[in-house]
Amino acid sequence: MKLRVLPYVSVEIDDRLRRRARYAGERLRLNVRAYLLSAVDEVDVASDKVRGLCDRAVSRVDSVVATVNDKIAPEHQQPKLHLVGDREAS
């Protein structure tokens, strides 16, 4: 997989590194989610506004990290099909 870093710079990444990056992203997501849910439990006495902020933060972290992980290493990659010109498929 080629990752475009800058307009003229691309980096080739192998599958092993992509899997490791995805695994690290999943660990980060789980740790941040657990920390935020723990914070929600601690502010149980506080107002509903604070609980709502923590709940929204949990959902944002989940969606952002899941999106980044899907860009790094998609779970289900569709094979790329190429159109064959005037030749018969063999």
Protein backbone atom coordinates (compact mmCIF):
# COMPACT_ATOMS: atom_id res chain seq x y z
CA MET A 1 0.00 0.00 0.00
CA LYS A 2 1.29 3.44 -0.88
CA LEU A 3 0.62 6.22 1.60
CA ARG A 4 0.80 9.77 0.30
CA VAL A 5 2.60 11.85 2.94
CA LEU A 6 3.17 15.04 0.95
CA PRO A 7 2.18 16.01 -2.59
CA TYR A 8 5.42 14.61 -4.01
CA VAL A 9 6.27 12.05 -1.31
CA SER A 10 4.75 8.58 -1.12
CA VAL A 11 5.76 5.82 1.27
CA GLU A 12 5.30 2.11 0.58
CA ILE A 13 3.97 0.28 3.64
CA ASP A 14 3.95 -3.49 3.94
CA ASP A 15 1.04 -5.49 5.37
CA ARG A 16 2.82 -6.39 8.59
CA LEU A 17 3.35 -2.73 9.53
CA ARG A 18 -0.24 -1.90 8.62
CA ARG A 19 -1.55 -4.68 10.88
CA ARG A 20 0.68 -3.48 13.74
CA ALA A 21 -0.51 0.12 13.29
CA ARG A 22 -4.14 -1.02 13.26
CA TYR A 23 -3.61 -3.08 16.41
CA ALA A 24 -1.97 -0.08 18.14
CA GLY A 25 -4.89 2.11 17.08
CA GLU A 26 -7.39 -0.37 18.50
CA ARG A 27 -5.50 -0.46 21.81
CA LEU A 28 -5.49 3.34 21.90
CA ARG A 29 -9.22 3.44 21.22
CA LEU A 30 -9.98 0.95 23.97
CA ASN A 31 -7.75 2.68 26.52
CA VAL A 32 -9.13 6.17 25.84
CA ARG A 33 -12.68 4.84 25.84
CA ALA A 34 -12.13 3.09 29.18
CA TYR A 35 -10.57 6.22 30.65
CA LEU A 36 -13.46 8.40 29.53
CA LEU A 37 -16.09 5.95 30.77
CA SER A 38 -14.27 5.83 34.10
CA ALA A 39 -14.40 9.62 34.21
CA VAL A 40 -18.14 9.48 33.56
CA ASP A 41 -18.56 7.18 36.55
CA GLU A 42 -16.51 9.52 38.74
CA VAL A 43 -18.57 12.56 37.80
CA ASP A 44 -21.78 10.71 38.54
CA VAL A 45 -22.47 13.26 41.23
CA ALA A 46 -21.88 16.13 38.81
CA SER A 47 -24.46 17.57 36.51
CA ASP A 48 -25.93 15.88 33.47
CA LYS A 49 -24.11 18.39 31.30
CA VAL A 50 -20.71 16.98 32.31
CA ARG A 51 -21.92 13.43 31.76
CA GLY A 52 -23.20 14.41 28.33
CA LEU A 53 -19.82 15.93 27.43
CA CYS A 54 -18.00 12.76 28.45
CA ASP A 55 -20.46 10.57 26.53
CA ARG A 56 -20.01 12.67 23.40
CA ALA A 57 -16.23 12.49 23.81
CA VAL A 58 -16.43 8.68 23.97
CA SER A 59 -18.45 8.51 20.76
CA ARG A 60 -16.12 10.94 18.98
CA VAL A 61 -13.02 8.99 19.98
CA ASP A 62 -14.63 5.75 18.81
CA SER A 63 -15.60 7.15 15.42
CA VAL A 64 -12.31 8.97 14.74
CA VAL A 65 -10.04 6.08 15.70
CA ALA A 66 -12.21 3.59 13.78
CA THR A 67 -12.00 5.81 10.68
CA VAL A 68 -8.23 6.12 10.97
CA ASN A 69 -7.85 2.37 11.47
CA ASP A 70 -9.97 1.67 8.40
CA LYS A 71 -7.75 3.96 6.36
CA ILE A 72 -4.59 2.32 7.67
CA ALA A 73 -5.64 -1.28 7.19
CA PRO A 74 -9.14 -1.96 5.93
CA GLU A 75 -10.54 -5.24 7.20
CA HIS A 76 -12.25 -6.19 3.95
CA GLN A 77 -10.31 -5.15 0.91
CA GLN A 78 -12.12 -5.38 -2.39
CA PRO A 79 -9.97 -6.75 -5.19
CA LYS A 80 -9.21 -4.19 -7.85
CA LEU A 81 -10.60 -5.19 -11.22
CA HIS A 82 -9.02 -3.87 -14.36
CA LEU A 83 -10.82 -3.47 -17.66
CA VAL A 84 -9.24 -5.56 -20.36
CA GLY A 85 -9.23 -3.82 -23.73
CA ASP A 86 -9.62 -5.78 -26.98
CA ARG A 87 -8.21 -9.00 -25.58
CA GLU A 88 -10.02 -12.09 -24.49
CA ALA A 89 -9.74 -13.10 -20.89
CA SER A 90 -7.77 -16.30 -20.52
